[in-house]
């Protein structure tokens, strides 16, 4: 993955997206003893960073996508992003989701106009169904985390951080299949190599953490975590190779640490973050980040959580 590829993605996205806010967190700064910034991808049109790779993938192959339609595999956020991009670009979209995916995210995807194809409740079944649809229909696959277009689209977030914050800093990035951290790490390390890139994953998943430990991609099996956006049981092939070369650290956070982070963001910052979007803050508050110079940037990667679920997480606060 080259810096030029990410810059091309930024040019494609400029007519459709504006940079998301980077806000200083006074409460987290006090807790961490150094400046902590929050990158609010919750402010994207679909409530998560996934609109970046969805749009970039479709725009990179626009004529083919218009002729044949698109298909995507998703636990929810990429589904909504592909559906939104398809509506904006006049594409026909099918989305493969597990039956146990968030009912809220399924409903949101359908409300945006895509046909949702439900499959079994394992990561492998989701991909088997997706590849079958590609073979049967000729639709263009928009990959949620491991295509060049997806990683480049994710990398535009890294370019934004470099424009918004001077000097070296530590970026703390939620990890599932690895596309987001792969794109951000590529942009930061090629432009400002003194920056540190740290991944955060739920302990209930840990696929990237364990893969890096083993030196090869590991399948951790069916994943059940409160962070339902982070359920890729195996990191992507391209994403894993980038992580091996450019990511400084990957840490695991417990379910209760994730809940605590969601609560802190809601109560102290008035920011709604879904559990998967709050794992970077969870890692920070749990003291799991390696010491480093400069500020900390936590990527709040998504805020798609239904009100009732958020209310339950906030009970007793």
Protein backbone atom coordinates (compact mmCIF):
# COMPACT_ATOMS: atom_id res chain seq x y z
CA UNK A 1 0.00 0.00 0.00
CA UNK A 2 1.48 3.35 -1.08
CA UNK A 3 0.86 6.85 0.17
CA UNK A 4 -0.15 7.80 -3.37
CA UNK A 5 -2.98 5.25 -3.27
CA UNK A 6 -4.33 6.80 -0.06
CA UNK A 7 -4.03 10.31 -1.49
CA UNK A 8 -5.99 9.19 -4.55
CA UNK A 9 -8.69 7.86 -2.23
CA UNK A 10 -8.82 11.23 -0.46
CA UNK A 11 -9.36 12.96 -3.81
CA UNK A 12 -12.23 10.59 -4.62
CA UNK A 13 -13.88 11.18 -1.25
CA UNK A 14 -13.52 14.97 -1.09
CA UNK A 15 -16.76 15.70 -3.03
CA UNK A 16 -18.74 13.44 -0.67
CA UNK A 17 -17.22 13.72 2.82
CA UNK A 18 -15.76 16.44 5.02
CA UNK A 19 -13.07 15.87 7.70
CA UNK A 20 -14.51 14.69 11.00
CA UNK A 21 -13.84 16.65 14.21
CA UNK A 22 -10.78 16.10 16.38
CA UNK A 23 -11.67 17.27 19.89
CA UNK A 24 -9.54 17.59 23.01
CA UNK A 25 -10.87 15.59 25.97
CA UNK A 26 -10.23 17.39 29.25
CA UNK A 27 -11.41 14.44 31.44
CA UNK A 28 -9.28 11.88 29.60
CA UNK A 29 -6.32 14.26 29.54
CA UNK A 30 -6.50 14.49 33.33
CA UNK A 31 -6.80 10.70 33.62
CA UNK A 32 -3.89 9.97 31.26
CA UNK A 33 -1.52 12.78 32.28
CA UNK A 34 -1.04 13.88 28.68
CA UNK A 35 -3.28 15.40 26.04
CA UNK A 36 -5.93 13.04 24.72
CA UNK A 37 -7.85 13.79 21.54
CA UNK A 38 -10.96 12.06 20.20
CA UNK A 39 -11.40 11.57 16.44
CA UNK A 40 -15.17 11.54 16.00
CA UNK A 41 -16.02 9.20 13.14
CA UNK A 42 -19.44 9.08 14.81
CA UNK A 43 -20.10 12.28 12.83
CA UNK A 44 -19.92 10.54 9.46
CA UNK A 45 -23.20 10.33 7.47
CA UNK A 46 -23.73 6.70 8.54
CA UNK A 47 -22.32 7.10 12.05
CA UNK A 48 -19.02 5.28 11.49
CA UNK A 49 -15.71 5.42 9.59
CA UNK A 50 -16.95 2.69 7.22
CA UNK A 51 -18.34 5.23 4.77
CA UNK A 52 -14.74 5.99 3.74
CA UNK A 53 -13.92 2.51 2.35
CA UNK A 54 -17.45 1.95 1.05
CA UNK A 55 -17.40 5.08 -1.08
CA UNK A 56 -13.81 4.62 -2.17
CA UNK A 57 -14.40 1.03 -3.28
CA UNK A 58 -17.50 1.95 -5.26
CA UNK A 59 -15.98 5.07 -6.84
CA UNK A 60 -12.84 3.19 -7.87
CA UNK A 61 -14.96 0.77 -9.96
CA UNK A 62 -18.01 2.93 -10.56
CA UNK A 63 -19.01 1.84 -14.06
CA UNK A 64 -18.72 -1.85 -13.22
CA UNK A 65 -20.67 -1.31 -9.99
CA UNK A 66 -23.43 0.44 -11.92
CA UNK A 67 -23.63 -2.37 -14.49
CA UNK A 68 -23.62 -5.31 -12.09
CA UNK A 69 -24.51 -3.97 -8.64
CA UNK A 70 -22.51 -4.51 -5.45
CA UNK A 71 -22.44 -7.01 -2.62
CA UNK A 72 -20.85 -6.69 0.82
CA UNK A 73 -20.37 -8.80 3.93
CA UNK A 74 -20.87 -6.97 7.20
CA UNK A 75 -21.81 -7.08 10.87
CA UNK A 76 -23.57 -3.73 10.50
CA UNK A 77 -21.54 -0.58 10.04
CA UNK A 78 -20.11 -1.48 6.63
CA UNK A 79 -23.58 -2.63 5.61
CA UNK A 80 -25.01 0.81 6.31
CA UNK A 81 -22.06 2.52 4.64
CA UNK A 82 -22.30 0.46 1.43
CA UNK A 83 -26.04 1.04 1.32
CA UNK A 84 -25.60 4.79 1.77
CA UNK A 85 -22.88 4.89 -0.89
CA UNK A 86 -25.06 2.85 -3.24
CA UNK A 87 -27.95 5.26 -2.81
CA UNK A 88 -25.68 8.26 -3.46
CA UNK A 89 -24.11 6.65 -6.55
CA UNK A 90 -27.26 4.93 -7.89
CA UNK A 91 -26.09 1.34 -7.38
CA UNK A 92 -28.05 -1.81 -6.57
CA UNK A 93 -26.77 -3.32 -3.30
CA UNK A 94 -27.08 -6.65 -1.50
CA UNK A 95 -25.67 -7.04 2.02
CA UNK A 96 -24.88 -10.36 3.71
CA UNK A 97 -25.39 -10.27 7.48
CA UNK A 98 -25.53 -12.98 10.15
CA UNK A 99 -28.91 -13.73 11.66
CA UNK A 100 -27.60 -12.72 15.09
CA UNK A 101 -26.37 -9.31 13.87
CA UNK A 102 -27.72 -6.28 15.70
CA UNK A 103 -31.44 -5.96 14.78
CA UNK A 104 -30.92 -2.20 14.88
CA UNK A 105 -28.16 -2.35 12.26
CA UNK A 106 -30.16 -4.73 10.06
CA UNK A 107 -33.15 -2.38 10.19
CA UNK A 108 -30.98 0.66 9.46
CA UNK A 109 -29.47 -1.09 6.44
CA UNK A 110 -32.86 -2.02 5.05
CA UNK A 111 -34.19 1.49 5.70
CA UNK A 112 -31.40 2.88 3.50
CA UNK A 113 -32.59 0.70 0.62
CA UNK A 114 -30.38 -2.40 0.40
CA UNK A 115 -31.54 -6.00 0.24
CA UNK A 116 -30.25 -7.82 3.31
CA UNK A 117 -29.38 -11.52 2.85
CA UNK A 118 -29.26 -13.28 6.21
CA UNK A 119 -26.92 -16.23 6.76
CA UNK A 120 -25.70 -18.44 9.59
CA UNK A 121 -24.07 -17.06 12.69
CA UNK A 122 -20.42 -17.70 11.96
CA UNK A 123 -17.87 -15.53 10.22
CA UNK A 124 -17.16 -18.38 7.78
CA UNK A 125 -20.84 -18.76 6.81
CA UNK A 126 -21.06 -15.05 6.15
CA UNK A 127 -18.18 -15.22 3.69
CA UNK A 128 -19.42 -18.44 2.06
CA UNK A 129 -22.75 -16.73 1.34
CA UNK A 130 -21.05 -13.58 0.08
CA UNK A 131 -18.74 -15.39 -2.36
CA UNK A 132 -21.67 -17.50 -3.60
CA UNK A 133 -23.59 -14.31 -4.45
CA UNK A 134 -20.55 -12.93 -6.28
CA UNK A 135 -20.36 -16.10 -8.39
CA UNK A 136 -24.10 -16.28 -9.05
CA UNK A 137 -24.83 -12.62 -9.74
CA UNK A 138 -21.56 -11.08 -10.98
CA UNK A 139 -21.89 -8.29 -8.43
CA UNK A 140 -18.80 -6.32 -7.44
CA UNK A 141 -17.55 -7.29 -3.98
CA UNK A 142 -16.87 -4.34 -1.70
CA UNK A 143 -14.64 -5.84 0.96
CA UNK A 144 -15.14 -4.56 4.54
CA UNK A 145 -11.48 -4.64 5.56
CA UNK A 146 -8.96 -6.25 3.20
CA UNK A 147 -9.10 -4.85 -0.34
CA UNK A 148 -6.66 -2.19 -1.50
CA UNK A 149 -9.55 0.24 -1.98
CA UNK A 150 -10.85 -0.40 1.53
CA UNK A 151 -7.48 0.03 3.24
CA UNK A 152 -6.78 3.18 1.21
CA UNK A 153 -10.19 4.60 2.12
CA UNK A 154 -9.45 3.91 5.78
CA UNK A 155 -6.05 5.54 5.32
CA UNK A 156 -7.70 8.87 4.54
CA UNK A 157 -8.47 9.08 8.25
CA UNK A 158 -4.74 8.96 8.92
CA UNK A 159 -4.12 11.81 6.46
CA UNK A 160 -6.75 13.87 8.28
CA UNK A 161 -5.04 13.29 11.62
CA UNK A 162 -1.72 14.49 10.18
CA UNK A 163 -3.40 17.67 8.95
CA UNK A 164 -5.19 18.25 12.26
CA UNK A 165 -2.39 17.57 14.76
CA UNK A 166 1.24 18.67 14.68
CA UNK A 167 4.16 16.61 15.95
CA UNK A 168 4.36 12.93 16.81
CA UNK A 169 1.41 11.29 18.56
CA UNK A 170 0.00 7.88 19.46
CA UNK A 171 -3.07 6.77 17.51
CA UNK A 172 -5.23 4.16 19.26
CA UNK A 173 -7.33 2.31 16.70
CA UNK A 174 -10.16 -0.25 17.09
CA UNK A 175 -9.29 -3.53 15.35
CA UNK A 176 -11.46 -6.20 13.76
CA UNK A 177 -10.36 -7.40 10.33
CA UNK A 178 -7.55 -4.84 10.35
CA UNK A 179 -8.39 -2.54 7.47
CA UNK A 180 -8.73 0.60 9.59
CA UNK A 181 -5.48 0.15 11.48
CA UNK A 182 -3.74 -0.91 8.25
CA UNK A 183 -4.78 2.26 6.45
CA UNK A 184 -4.02 4.58 9.35
CA UNK A 185 -0.65 2.93 10.06
CA UNK A 186 0.38 3.25 6.41
CA UNK A 187 -0.48 6.95 6.26
CA UNK A 188 1.18 7.80 9.58
CA UNK A 189 4.34 5.74 9.20
CA UNK A 190 5.03 6.94 5.65
CA UNK A 191 4.37 10.61 6.43
CA UNK A 192 5.41 10.92 10.09
CA UNK A 193 7.25 7.77 11.20
CA UNK A 194 7.71 8.97 14.79
CA UNK A 195 3.98 8.43 15.41
CA UNK A 196 2.98 5.27 17.27
CA UNK A 197 0.06 3.12 16.11
CA UNK A 198 -1.70 0.97 18.71
CA UNK A 199 -4.57 -1.42 18.05
CA UNK A 200 -7.28 -2.23 20.58
CA UNK A 201 -9.39 -5.41 20.43
CA UNK A 202 -11.89 -7.07 22.76
CA UNK A 203 -10.46 -9.97 24.75
CA UNK A 204 -13.38 -12.04 23.41
CA UNK A 205 -11.93 -11.68 19.90
CA UNK A 206 -8.20 -10.97 19.87
CA UNK A 207 -7.70 -12.29 16.34
CA UNK A 208 -5.11 -9.67 15.36
CA UNK A 209 -3.36 -9.84 18.75
CA UNK A 210 -3.02 -13.62 18.58
CA UNK A 211 -2.06 -13.58 14.90
CA UNK A 212 0.79 -11.16 15.56
CA UNK A 213 1.92 -13.32 18.48
CA UNK A 214 1.91 -16.42 16.27
CA UNK A 215 3.50 -14.71 13.26
CA UNK A 216 0.66 -15.91 11.03
CA UNK A 217 -3.05 -15.32 10.67
CA UNK A 218 -5.03 -17.18 13.34
CA UNK A 219 -8.75 -17.98 13.33
CA UNK A 220 -10.08 -17.53 16.87
CA UNK A 221 -13.43 -19.14 16.04
CA UNK A 222 -16.93 -17.75 16.68
CA UNK A 223 -16.76 -14.36 18.40
CA UNK A 224 -19.31 -13.08 20.93
CA UNK A 225 -18.57 -9.66 22.36
CA UNK A 226 -20.43 -6.55 23.39
CA UNK A 227 -18.36 -4.83 20.70
CA UNK A 228 -20.47 -6.28 17.88
CA UNK A 229 -18.64 -4.23 15.23
CA UNK A 230 -15.39 -6.08 15.99
CA UNK A 231 -16.17 -9.72 15.23
CA UNK A 232 -13.78 -10.68 12.41
CA UNK A 233 -12.41 -14.00 13.65
CA UNK A 234 -9.38 -13.80 11.33
CA UNK A 235 -7.54 -10.64 10.24
CA UNK A 236 -7.39 -9.87 6.55
CA UNK A 237 -4.35 -11.05 4.61
CA UNK A 238 -3.28 -7.57 3.43
CA UNK A 239 -4.21 -5.96 6.74
CA UNK A 240 -2.19 -8.51 8.70
CA UNK A 241 0.94 -7.93 6.64
CA UNK A 242 0.65 -4.17 7.14
CA UNK A 243 0.14 -4.67 10.87
CA UNK A 244 3.25 -6.87 11.10
CA UNK A 245 5.33 -4.13 9.49
CA UNK A 246 3.82 -0.90 10.77
CA UNK A 247 1.75 -1.37 13.95
CA UNK A 248 3.64 -0.81 17.20
CA UNK A 249 1.33 -2.60 19.63
CA UNK A 250 -2.02 -4.39 19.86
CA UNK A 251 -3.75 -4.68 23.24
CA UNK A 252 -6.81 -6.54 24.48
CA UNK A 253 -9.58 -5.00 26.60
CA UNK A 254 -12.12 -6.78 28.78
CA UNK A 255 -15.88 -6.43 28.32
CA UNK A 256 -16.27 -4.45 31.54
CA UNK A 257 -13.50 -2.08 30.44
CA UNK A 258 -15.37 -1.43 27.20
CA UNK A 259 -18.60 -0.71 29.09
CA UNK A 260 -16.72 1.69 31.36
CA UNK A 261 -15.36 3.55 28.34
CA UNK A 262 -18.81 3.88 26.73
CA UNK A 263 -20.12 5.29 30.00
CA UNK A 264 -17.24 7.75 30.42
CA UNK A 265 -17.69 9.06 26.89
CA UNK A 266 -21.45 9.47 27.33
CA UNK A 267 -21.38 11.06 30.77
CA UNK A 268 -18.22 13.17 30.64
CA UNK A 269 -17.99 13.99 26.93
CA UNK A 270 -21.64 13.77 25.83
CA UNK A 271 -20.42 11.49 23.02
CA UNK A 272 -22.42 8.41 22.01
CA UNK A 273 -20.00 5.64 21.04
CA UNK A 274 -20.94 2.05 20.31
CA UNK A 275 -18.82 -0.47 22.27
CA UNK A 276 -16.61 -1.24 19.27
CA UNK A 277 -15.97 2.47 18.81
CA UNK A 278 -14.88 2.90 22.42
CA UNK A 279 -12.22 0.18 22.71
CA UNK A 280 -9.38 2.67 22.25
CA UNK A 281 -10.62 4.71 25.20
CA UNK A 282 -11.01 1.46 27.15
CA UNK A 283 -7.35 0.63 26.52
CA UNK A 284 -6.28 4.11 27.58
CA UNK A 285 -8.29 4.07 30.82
CA UNK A 286 -7.02 0.57 31.67
CA UNK A 287 -3.42 1.76 31.38
CA UNK A 288 -2.57 -0.67 28.59
CA UNK A 289 -0.82 1.73 26.21
CA UNK A 290 2.94 1.66 25.90
CA UNK A 291 4.56 4.89 27.10
CA UNK A 292 5.31 7.29 24.28
CA UNK A 293 6.01 10.92 23.63
CA UNK A 294 3.34 13.28 22.39
CA UNK A 295 -0.43 13.34 22.54
CA UNK A 296 -2.84 10.40 22.30
CA UNK A 297 -5.58 10.19 19.68
CA UNK A 298 -8.38 7.69 20.29
CA UNK A 299 -10.34 6.86 17.15
CA UNK A 300 -14.03 6.80 18.07
CA UNK A 301 -14.83 4.65 15.07
CA UNK A 302 -18.61 4.40 15.35
CA UNK A 303 -21.69 5.45 17.29
CA UNK A 304 -24.38 3.11 15.98
CA UNK A 305 -26.02 1.86 19.13
CA UNK A 306 -29.79 1.86 19.71
CA UNK A 307 -31.08 4.07 22.50
CA UNK A 308 -32.35 1.19 24.62
CA UNK A 309 -28.97 -0.59 24.51
CA UNK A 310 -27.20 2.63 25.46
CA UNK A 311 -29.65 3.19 28.32
CA UNK A 312 -28.90 -0.28 29.67
CA UNK A 313 -25.16 0.38 29.54
CA UNK A 314 -25.70 3.62 31.45
CA UNK A 315 -27.89 2.12 34.18
CA UNK A 316 -26.62 3.08 37.60
CA UNK A 317 -24.33 5.84 36.31
